[in-house]
Amino acid sequence: MPADQTIKSIINLWATRAELERDIRLVAPTVKISEGRIHKWAERNVIPAEYQYPVILAARARGFEVSAELMVRLHASAGQVSSDQHEDAA
């Protein structure tokens, strides 16, 4: 995994947000998704949990190397609560 990889860089694997939306619809037809929602993910550098698996499936269908482990790691490094902060709060 390149050191500069982010959630946004995963989203940017697709040429357009519309292509990612279409691919998600193909692998998960019941998921409610819009191009605008995907734009917000990129702006916030976060893919909500309920969309992560469909994004992973869509990436795999295109041959992109996106795993669940990568998704979790990138979310953790994108400003999510660290284990130290979680322990301090307990």
PDB file of N, CA and C in Angstrom:
ATOM      1  N   MET A   1       0.843  -1.182   0.000  1.00  0.00           N
ATOM      2  CA  MET A   1       0.000   0.000   0.000  1.00  0.00           C
ATOM      3  C   MET A   1       0.882   1.237   0.000  1.00  0.00           C
ATOM      4  N   PRO A   2       0.740   2.106  -0.993  1.00  0.00           N
ATOM      5  CA  PRO A   2       1.524   3.339  -0.996  1.00  0.00           C
ATOM      6  C   PRO A   2       1.215   4.195   0.232  1.00  0.00           C
ATOM      7  N   ALA A   3       2.232   4.858   0.743  1.00  0.00           N
ATOM      8  CA  ALA A   3       2.073   5.652   1.969  1.00  0.00           C
ATOM      9  C   ALA A   3       1.068   6.779   1.798  1.00  0.00           C
ATOM     10  N   ASP A   4       0.907   7.288   0.589  1.00  0.00           N
ATOM     11  CA  ASP A   4       0.012   8.419   0.367  1.00  0.00           C
ATOM     12  C   ASP A   4      -1.400   8.007  -0.044  1.00  0.00           C
ATOM     13  N   GLN A   5      -1.722   6.722   0.049  1.00  0.00           N
ATOM     14  CA  GLN A   5      -3.049   6.256  -0.330  1.00  0.00           C
ATOM     15  C   GLN A   5      -4.076   6.702   0.703  1.00  0.00           C
ATOM     16  N   THR A   6      -5.242   7.104   0.212  1.00  0.00           N
ATOM     17  CA  THR A   6      -6.335   7.577   1.054  1.00  0.00           C
ATOM     18  C   THR A   6      -7.639   6.959   0.565  1.00  0.00           C
ATOM     19  N   ILE A   7      -8.688   7.185   1.301  1.00  0.00           N
ATOM     20  CA  ILE A   7     -10.012   6.758   0.850  1.00  0.00           C
ATOM     21  C   ILE A   7     -10.337   7.440  -0.469  1.00  0.00           C
ATOM     22  N   LYS A   8      -9.998   8.711  -0.574  1.00  0.00           N
ATOM     23  CA  LYS A   8     -10.248   9.436  -1.824  1.00  0.00           C
ATOM     24  C   LYS A   8      -9.499   8.797  -2.983  1.00  0.00           C
ATOM     25  N   SER A   9      -8.292   8.304  -2.737  1.00  0.00           N
ATOM     26  CA  SER A   9      -7.548   7.667  -3.829  1.00  0.00           C
ATOM     27  C   SER A   9      -8.208   6.360  -4.260  1.00  0.00           C
ATOM     28  N   ILE A  10      -8.888   5.675  -3.336  1.00  0.00           N
ATOM     29  CA  ILE A  10      -9.662   4.496  -3.740  1.00  0.00           C
ATOM     30  C   ILE A  10     -10.800   4.928  -4.654  1.00  0.00           C
ATOM     31  N   ILE A  11     -11.525   5.953  -4.244  1.00  0.00           N
ATOM     32  CA  ILE A  11     -12.632   6.468  -5.053  1.00  0.00           C
ATOM     33  C   ILE A  11     -12.131   6.912  -6.427  1.00  0.00           C
ATOM     34  N   ASN A  12     -10.950   7.506  -6.455  1.00  0.00           N
ATOM     35  CA  ASN A  12     -10.381   8.006  -7.705  1.00  0.00           C
ATOM     36  C   ASN A  12      -9.848   6.912  -8.624  1.00  0.00           C
ATOM     37  N   LEU A  13      -9.903   5.650  -8.190  1.00  0.00           N
ATOM     38  CA  LEU A  13      -9.536   4.561  -9.101  1.00  0.00           C
ATOM     39  C   LEU A  13     -10.484   4.526 -10.297  1.00  0.00           C
ATOM     40  N   TRP A  14     -11.716   4.960 -10.095  1.00  0.00           N
ATOM     41  CA  TRP A  14     -12.685   5.050 -11.177  1.00  0.00           C
ATOM     42  C   TRP A  14     -12.507   6.386 -11.888  1.00  0.00           C
ATOM     43  N   ALA A  15     -12.668   6.400 -13.184  1.00  0.00           N
ATOM     44  CA  ALA A  15     -12.492   7.627 -13.973  1.00  0.00           C
ATOM     45  C   ALA A  15     -13.490   8.707 -13.567  1.00  0.00           C
ATOM     46  N   THR A  16     -14.706   8.281 -13.194  1.00  0.00           N
ATOM     47  CA  THR A  16     -15.729   9.245 -12.768  1.00  0.00           C
ATOM     48  C   THR A  16     -16.507   8.677 -11.591  1.00  0.00           C
ATOM     49  N   ARG A  17     -17.151   9.559 -10.860  1.00  0.00           N
ATOM     50  CA  ARG A  17     -18.017   9.122  -9.759  1.00  0.00           C
ATOM     51  C   ARG A  17     -19.204   8.334 -10.313  1.00  0.00           C
ATOM     52  N   ALA A  18     -19.659   8.709 -11.515  1.00  0.00           N
ATOM     53  CA  ALA A  18     -20.777   8.006 -12.147  1.00  0.00           C
ATOM     54  C   ALA A  18     -20.414   6.540 -12.429  1.00  0.00           C
ATOM     55  N   GLU A  19     -19.166   6.285 -12.823  1.00  0.00           N
ATOM     56  CA  GLU A  19     -18.740   4.902 -13.064  1.00  0.00           C
ATOM     57  C   GLU A  19     -18.732   4.097 -11.766  1.00  0.00           C
ATOM     58  N   LEU A  20     -18.274   4.711 -10.680  1.00  0.00           N
ATOM     59  CA  LEU A  20     -18.294   4.016  -9.387  1.00  0.00           C
ATOM     60  C   LEU A  20     -19.738   3.746  -8.975  1.00  0.00           C
ATOM     61  N   GLU A  21     -20.614   4.721  -9.139  1.00  0.00           N
ATOM     62  CA  GLU A  21     -22.028   4.522  -8.814  1.00  0.00           C
ATOM     63  C   GLU A  21     -22.598   3.342  -9.610  1.00  0.00           C
ATOM     64  N   ARG A  22     -22.321   3.296 -10.898  1.00  0.00           N
ATOM     65  CA  ARG A  22     -22.817   2.210 -11.750  1.00  0.00           C
ATOM     66  C   ARG A  22     -22.273   0.865 -11.284  1.00  0.00           C
ATOM     67  N   ASP A  23     -20.982   0.823 -10.972  1.00  0.00           N
ATOM     68  CA  ASP A  23     -20.377  -0.438 -10.532  1.00  0.00           C
ATOM     69  C   ASP A  23     -20.956  -0.916  -9.202  1.00  0.00           C
ATOM     70  N   ILE A  24     -21.214   0.004  -8.297  1.00  0.00           N
ATOM     71  CA  ILE A  24     -21.841  -0.374  -7.021  1.00  0.00           C
ATOM     72  C   ILE A  24     -23.233  -0.941  -7.282  1.00  0.00           C
ATOM     73  N   ARG A  25     -23.985  -0.311  -8.163  1.00  0.00           N
ATOM     74  CA  ARG A  25     -25.333  -0.807  -8.496  1.00  0.00           C
ATOM     75  C   ARG A  25     -25.277  -2.215  -9.101  1.00  0.00           C
ATOM     76  N   LEU A  26     -24.226  -2.489  -9.861  1.00  0.00           N
ATOM     77  CA  LEU A  26     -24.089  -3.816 -10.472  1.00  0.00           C
ATOM     78  C   LEU A  26     -23.829  -4.902  -9.434  1.00  0.00           C
ATOM     79  N   VAL A  27     -22.983  -4.608  -8.448  1.00  0.00           N
ATOM     80  CA  VAL A  27     -22.621  -5.632  -7.456  1.00  0.00           C
ATOM     81  C   VAL A  27     -23.567  -5.659  -6.264  1.00  0.00           C
ATOM     82  N   ALA A  28     -24.280  -4.571  -6.037  1.00  0.00           N
ATOM     83  CA  ALA A  28     -25.193  -4.480  -4.883  1.00  0.00           C
ATOM     84  C   ALA A  28     -26.439  -3.689  -5.291  1.00  0.00           C
ATOM     85  N   PRO A  29     -27.314  -4.303  -6.067  1.00  0.00           N
ATOM     86  CA  PRO A  29     -28.464  -3.584  -6.619  1.00  0.00           C
ATOM     87  C   PRO A  29     -29.422  -2.987  -5.590  1.00  0.00           C
ATOM     88  N   THR A  30     -29.435  -3.494  -4.383  1.00  0.00           N
ATOM     89  CA  THR A  30     -30.375  -2.967  -3.379  1.00  0.00           C
ATOM     90  C   THR A  30     -29.807  -1.787  -2.594  1.00  0.00           C
ATOM     91  N   VAL A  31     -28.538  -1.484  -2.790  1.00  0.00           N
ATOM     92  CA  VAL A  31     -27.906  -0.375  -2.065  1.00  0.00           C
ATOM     93  C   VAL A  31     -28.339   0.947  -2.690  1.00  0.00           C
ATOM     94  N   LYS A  32     -28.774   1.859  -1.841  1.00  0.00           N
ATOM     95  CA  LYS A  32     -29.171   3.189  -2.315  1.00  0.00           C
ATOM     96  C   LYS A  32     -27.911   4.051  -2.447  1.00  0.00           C
ATOM     97  N   ILE A  33     -27.604   4.449  -3.669  1.00  0.00           N
ATOM     98  CA  ILE A  33     -26.371   5.174  -3.939  1.00  0.00           C
ATOM     99  C   ILE A  33     -26.641   6.267  -4.967  1.00  0.00           C
ATOM    100  N   SER A  34     -25.882   7.339  -4.883  1.00  0.00           N
ATOM    101  CA  SER A  34     -25.978   8.411  -5.872  1.00  0.00           C
ATOM    102  C   SER A  34     -24.580   8.968  -6.125  1.00  0.00           C
ATOM    103  N   GLU A  35     -24.439   9.583  -7.268  1.00  0.00           N
ATOM    104  CA  GLU A  35     -23.165  10.215  -7.608  1.00  0.00           C
ATOM    105  C   GLU A  35     -22.829  11.301  -6.581  1.00  0.00           C
ATOM    106  N   GLY A  36     -23.831  12.055  -6.160  1.00  0.00           N
ATOM    107  CA  GLY A  36     -23.623  13.105  -5.160  1.00  0.00           C
ATOM    108  C   GLY A  36     -23.103  12.560  -3.840  1.00  0.00           C
ATOM    109  N   ARG A  37     -23.625  11.417  -3.449  1.00  0.00           N
ATOM    110  CA  ARG A  37     -23.166  10.776  -2.207  1.00  0.00           C
ATOM    111  C   ARG A  37     -21.682  10.402  -2.336  1.00  0.00           C
ATOM    112  N   ILE A  38     -21.300   9.888  -3.480  1.00  0.00           N
ATOM    113  CA  ILE A  38     -19.904   9.507  -3.698  1.00  0.00           C
ATOM    114  C   ILE A  38     -18.998  10.740  -3.671  1.00  0.00           C
ATOM    115  N   HIS A  39     -19.465  11.851  -4.224  1.00  0.00           N
ATOM    116  CA  HIS A  39     -18.693  13.103  -4.147  1.00  0.00           C
ATOM    117  C   HIS A  39     -18.447  13.489  -2.689  1.00  0.00           C
ATOM    118  N   LYS A  40     -19.466  13.328  -1.848  1.00  0.00           N
ATOM    119  CA  LYS A  40     -19.311  13.654  -0.417  1.00  0.00           C
ATOM    120  C   LYS A  40     -18.296  12.746   0.251  1.00  0.00           C
ATOM    121  N   TRP A  41     -18.292  11.462  -0.112  1.00  0.00           N
ATOM    122  CA  TRP A  41     -17.292  10.549   0.456  1.00  0.00           C
ATOM    123  C   TRP A  41     -15.889  11.056   0.148  1.00  0.00           C
ATOM    124  N   ALA A  42     -15.683  11.448  -1.106  1.00  0.00           N
ATOM    125  CA  ALA A  42     -14.353  11.912  -1.513  1.00  0.00           C
ATOM    126  C   ALA A  42     -13.972  13.189  -0.771  1.00  0.00           C
ATOM    127  N   GLU A  43     -14.926  14.107  -0.627  1.00  0.00           N
ATOM    128  CA  GLU A  43     -14.666  15.356   0.099  1.00  0.00           C
ATOM    129  C   GLU A  43     -14.283  15.085   1.544  1.00  0.00           C
ATOM    130  N   ARG A  44     -14.963  14.133   2.164  1.00  0.00           N
ATOM    131  CA  ARG A  44     -14.754  13.835   3.587  1.00  0.00           C
ATOM    132  C   ARG A  44     -13.688  12.770   3.829  1.00  0.00           C
ATOM    133  N   ASN A  45     -13.242  12.117   2.747  1.00  0.00           N
ATOM    134  CA  ASN A  45     -12.249  11.053   2.839  1.00  0.00           C
ATOM    135  C   ASN A  45     -12.738   9.900   3.720  1.00  0.00           C
ATOM    136  N   VAL A  46     -14.036   9.593   3.585  1.00  0.00           N
ATOM    137  CA  VAL A  46     -14.666   8.532   4.373  1.00  0.00           C
ATOM    138  C   VAL A  46     -15.745   7.853   3.522  1.00  0.00           C
ATOM    139  N   ILE A  47     -15.748   6.537   3.539  1.00  0.00           N
ATOM    140  CA  ILE A  47     -16.843   5.771   2.948  1.00  0.00           C
ATOM    141  C   ILE A  47     -17.602   5.161   4.118  1.00  0.00           C
ATOM    142  N   PRO A  48     -18.888   5.520   4.287  1.00  0.00           N
ATOM    143  CA  PRO A  48     -19.650   4.968   5.408  1.00  0.00           C
ATOM    144  C   PRO A  48     -19.622   3.433   5.399  1.00  0.00           C
ATOM    145  N   ALA A  49     -19.677   2.855   6.567  1.00  0.00           N
ATOM    146  CA  ALA A  49     -19.519   1.411   6.734  1.00  0.00           C
ATOM    147  C   ALA A  49     -20.443   0.598   5.835  1.00  0.00           C
ATOM    148  N   GLU A  50     -21.691   1.012   5.690  1.00  0.00           N
ATOM    149  CA  GLU A  50     -22.637   0.213   4.904  1.00  0.00           C
ATOM    150  C   GLU A  50     -22.316   0.180   3.413  1.00  0.00           C
ATOM    151  N   TYR A  51     -21.417   1.062   2.972  1.00  0.00           N
ATOM    152  CA  TYR A  51     -21.030   1.099   1.559  1.00  0.00           C
ATOM    153  C   TYR A  51     -19.650   0.497   1.310  1.00  0.00           C
ATOM    154  N   GLN A  52     -18.906   0.219   2.347  1.00  0.00           N
ATOM    155  CA  GLN A  52     -17.533  -0.256   2.164  1.00  0.00           C
ATOM    156  C   GLN A  52     -17.467  -1.588   1.432  1.00  0.00           C
ATOM    157  N   TYR A  53     -18.279  -2.548   1.817  1.00  0.00           N
ATOM    158  CA  TYR A  53     -18.232  -3.852   1.150  1.00  0.00           C
ATOM    159  C   TYR A  53     -18.635  -3.742  -0.319  1.00  0.00           C
ATOM    160  N   PRO A  54     -19.717  -3.025  -0.662  1.00  0.00           N
ATOM    161  CA  PRO A  54     -20.026  -2.858  -2.084  1.00  0.00           C
ATOM    162  C   PRO A  54     -18.892  -2.180  -2.871  1.00  0.00           C
ATOM    163  N   VAL A  55     -18.213  -1.226  -2.259  1.00  0.00           N
ATOM    164  CA  VAL A  55     -17.083  -0.584  -2.943  1.00  0.00           C
ATOM    165  C   VAL A  55     -15.958  -1.599  -3.161  1.00  0.00           C
ATOM    166  N   ILE A  56     -15.685  -2.425  -2.164  1.00  0.00           N
ATOM    167  CA  ILE A  56     -14.655  -3.462  -2.304  1.00  0.00           C
ATOM    168  C   ILE A  56     -15.033  -4.424  -3.435  1.00  0.00           C
ATOM    169  N   LEU A  57     -16.287  -4.852  -3.480  1.00  0.00           N
ATOM    170  CA  LEU A  57     -16.738  -5.749  -4.548  1.00  0.00           C
ATOM    171  C   LEU A  57     -16.625  -5.086  -5.920  1.00  0.00           C
ATOM    172  N   ALA A  58     -17.015  -3.825  -6.000  1.00  0.00           N
ATOM    173  CA  ALA A  58     -16.932  -3.093  -7.268  1.00  0.00           C
ATOM    174  C   ALA A  58     -15.478  -2.942  -7.712  1.00  0.00           C
ATOM    175  N   ALA A  59     -14.595  -2.693  -6.761  1.00  0.00           N
ATOM    176  CA  ALA A  59     -13.172  -2.565  -7.079  1.00  0.00           C
ATOM    177  C   ALA A  59     -12.620  -3.880  -7.596  1.00  0.00           C
ATOM    178  N   ARG A  60     -12.946  -4.963  -6.919  1.00  0.00           N
ATOM    179  CA  ARG A  60     -12.470  -6.288  -7.349  1.00  0.00           C
ATOM    180  C   ARG A  60     -12.970  -6.635  -8.747  1.00  0.00           C
ATOM    181  N   ALA A  61     -14.222  -6.259  -9.039  1.00  0.00           N
ATOM    182  CA  ALA A  61     -14.791  -6.533 -10.362  1.00  0.00           C
ATOM    183  C   ALA A  61     -13.998  -5.835 -11.466  1.00  0.00           C
ATOM    184  N   ARG A  62     -13.382  -4.727 -11.129  1.00  0.00           N
ATOM    185  CA  ARG A  62     -12.558  -3.981 -12.093  1.00  0.00           C
ATOM    186  C   ARG A  62     -11.093  -4.390 -12.033  1.00  0.00           C
ATOM    187  N   GLY A  63     -10.758  -5.246 -11.091  1.00  0.00           N
ATOM    188  CA  GLY A  63      -9.359  -5.663 -10.972  1.00  0.00           C
ATOM    189  C   GLY A  63      -8.511  -4.733 -10.123  1.00  0.00           C
ATOM    190  N   PHE A  64      -9.162  -3.822  -9.385  1.00  0.00           N
ATOM    191  CA  PHE A  64      -8.436  -2.928  -8.486  1.00  0.00           C
ATOM    192  C   PHE A  64      -8.104  -3.688  -7.204  1.00  0.00           C
ATOM    193  N   GLU A  65      -6.948  -3.444  -6.652  1.00  0.00           N
ATOM    194  CA  GLU A  65      -6.525  -4.125  -5.430  1.00  0.00           C
ATOM    195  C   GLU A  65      -7.011  -3.352  -4.200  1.00  0.00           C
ATOM    196  N   VAL A  66      -8.250  -3.605  -3.824  1.00  0.00           N
ATOM    197  CA  VAL A  66      -8.847  -2.966  -2.654  1.00  0.00           C
ATOM    198  C   VAL A  66      -9.370  -4.091  -1.762  1.00  0.00           C
ATOM    199  N   SER A  67      -8.846  -4.168  -0.553  1.00  0.00           N
ATOM    200  CA  SER A  67      -9.262  -5.216   0.382  1.00  0.00           C
ATOM    201  C   SER A  67      -9.967  -4.589   1.580  1.00  0.00           C
ATOM    202  N   ALA A  68     -10.617  -5.436   2.357  1.00  0.00           N
ATOM    203  CA  ALA A  68     -11.252  -4.969   3.591  1.00  0.00           C
ATOM    204  C   ALA A  68     -10.194  -4.424   4.544  1.00  0.00           C
ATOM    205  N   GLU A  69      -9.061  -5.103   4.604  1.00  0.00           N
ATOM    206  CA  GLU A  69      -7.984  -4.639   5.478  1.00  0.00           C
ATOM    207  C   GLU A  69      -7.510  -3.243   5.069  1.00  0.00           C
ATOM    208  N   LEU A  70      -7.343  -3.025   3.777  1.00  0.00           N
ATOM    209  CA  LEU A  70      -6.927  -1.704   3.296  1.00  0.00           C
ATOM    210  C   LEU A  70      -7.976  -0.655   3.674  1.00  0.00           C
ATOM    211  N   MET A  71      -9.239  -0.975   3.462  1.00  0.00           N
ATOM    212  CA  MET A  71     -10.322  -0.037   3.759  1.00  0.00           C
ATOM    213  C   MET A  71     -10.292   0.356   5.243  1.00  0.00           C
ATOM    214  N   VAL A  72     -10.140  -0.627   6.119  1.00  0.00           N
ATOM    215  CA  VAL A  72     -10.102  -0.358   7.563  1.00  0.00           C
ATOM    216  C   VAL A  72      -8.874   0.479   7.912  1.00  0.00           C
ATOM    217  N   ARG A  73      -7.736   0.102   7.371  1.00  0.00           N
ATOM    218  CA  ARG A  73      -6.502   0.842   7.661  1.00  0.00           C
ATOM    219  C   ARG A  73      -6.593   2.305   7.248  1.00  0.00           C
ATOM    220  N   LEU A  74      -7.115   2.543   6.054  1.00  0.00           N
ATOM    221  CA  LEU A  74      -7.213   3.923   5.570  1.00  0.00           C
ATOM    222  C   LEU A  74      -8.202   4.740   6.386  1.00  0.00           C
ATOM    223  N   HIS A  75      -9.303   4.118   6.795  1.00  0.00           N
ATOM    224  CA  HIS A  75     -10.242   4.844   7.652  1.00  0.00           C
ATOM    225  C   HIS A  75      -9.608   5.149   9.009  1.00  0.00           C
ATOM    226  N   ALA A  76      -8.847   4.205   9.535  1.00  0.00           N
ATOM    227  CA  ALA A  76      -8.186   4.427  10.826  1.00  0.00           C
ATOM    228  C   ALA A  76      -7.178   5.563  10.740  1.00  0.00           C
ATOM    229  N   SER A  77      -6.481   5.674   9.611  1.00  0.00           N
ATOM    230  CA  SER A  77      -5.474   6.717   9.476  1.00  0.00           C
ATOM    231  C   SER A  77      -6.052   8.046   8.999  1.00  0.00           C
ATOM    232  N   ALA A  78      -7.346   8.060   8.684  1.00  0.00           N
ATOM    233  CA  ALA A  78      -7.980   9.280   8.189  1.00  0.00           C
ATOM    234  C   ALA A  78      -8.578  10.110   9.320  1.00  0.00           C
ATOM    235  N   GLY A  79      -8.080   9.922  10.536  1.00  0.00           N
ATOM    236  CA  GLY A  79      -8.551  10.746  11.636  1.00  0.00           C
ATOM    237  C   GLY A  79      -9.572  10.073  12.519  1.00  0.00           C
ATOM    238  N   GLN A  80      -9.766   8.776  12.355  1.00  0.00           N
ATOM    239  CA  GLN A  80     -10.665   8.060  13.232  1.00  0.00           C
ATOM    240  C   GLN A  80     -10.013   7.959  14.609  1.00  0.00           C
ATOM    241  N   VAL A  81     -10.770   7.580  15.617  1.00  0.00           N
ATOM    242  CA  VAL A  81     -10.270   7.473  16.982  1.00  0.00           C
ATOM    243  C   VAL A  81      -9.200   6.397  17.043  1.00  0.00           C
ATOM    244  N   SER A  82      -8.042   6.743  17.602  1.00  0.00           N
ATOM    245  CA  SER A  82      -6.974   5.756  17.746  1.00  0.00           C
ATOM    246  C   SER A  82      -7.240   4.893  18.967  1.00  0.00           C
ATOM    247  N   SER A  83      -6.546   3.779  19.080  1.00  0.00           N
ATOM    248  CA  SER A  83      -6.743   2.895  20.225  1.00  0.00           C
ATOM    249  C   SER A  83      -6.339   3.602  21.519  1.00  0.00           C
ATOM    250  N   ASP A  84      -5.337   4.486  21.472  1.00  0.00           N
ATOM    251  CA  ASP A  84      -4.935   5.236  22.659  1.00  0.00           C
ATOM    252  C   ASP A  84      -6.052   6.157  23.116  1.00  0.00           C
ATOM    253  N   GLN A  85      -6.696   6.857  22.174  1.00  0.00           N
ATOM    254  CA  GLN A  85      -7.791   7.763  22.523  1.00  0.00           C
ATOM    255  C   GLN A  85      -8.967   6.976  23.065  1.00  0.00           C
ATOM    256  N   HIS A  86      -9.233   5.806  22.494  1.00  0.00           N
ATOM    257  CA  HIS A  86     -10.350   4.987  22.956  1.00  0.00           C
ATOM    258  C   HIS A  86     -10.104   4.520  24.390  1.00  0.00           C
ATOM    259  N   GLU A  87      -8.894   4.114  24.697  1.00  0.00           N
ATOM    260  CA  GLU A  87      -8.581   3.655  26.034  1.00  0.00           C
ATOM    261  C   GLU A  87      -8.672   4.810  27.039  1.00  0.00           C
ATOM    262  N   ASP A  88      -8.253   6.025  26.616  1.00  0.00           N
ATOM    263  CA  ASP A  88      -8.329   7.176  27.504  1.00  0.00           C
ATOM    264  C   ASP A  88      -9.776   7.521  27.835  1.00  0.00           C
ATOM    265  N   ALA A  89     -10.675   7.297  26.883  1.00  0.00           N
ATOM    266  CA  ALA A  89     -12.087   7.631  27.088  1.00  0.00           C
ATOM    267  C   ALA A  89     -12.777   6.625  28.010  1.00  0.00           C
ATOM    268  N   ALA A  90     -12.215   5.460  28.134  1.00  0.00           N
ATOM    269  CA  ALA A  90     -12.871   4.398  28.915  1.00  0.00           C
ATOM    270  C   ALA A  90     -12.726   4.608  30.398  1.00  0.00           C
TER     271      ALA A  90
END
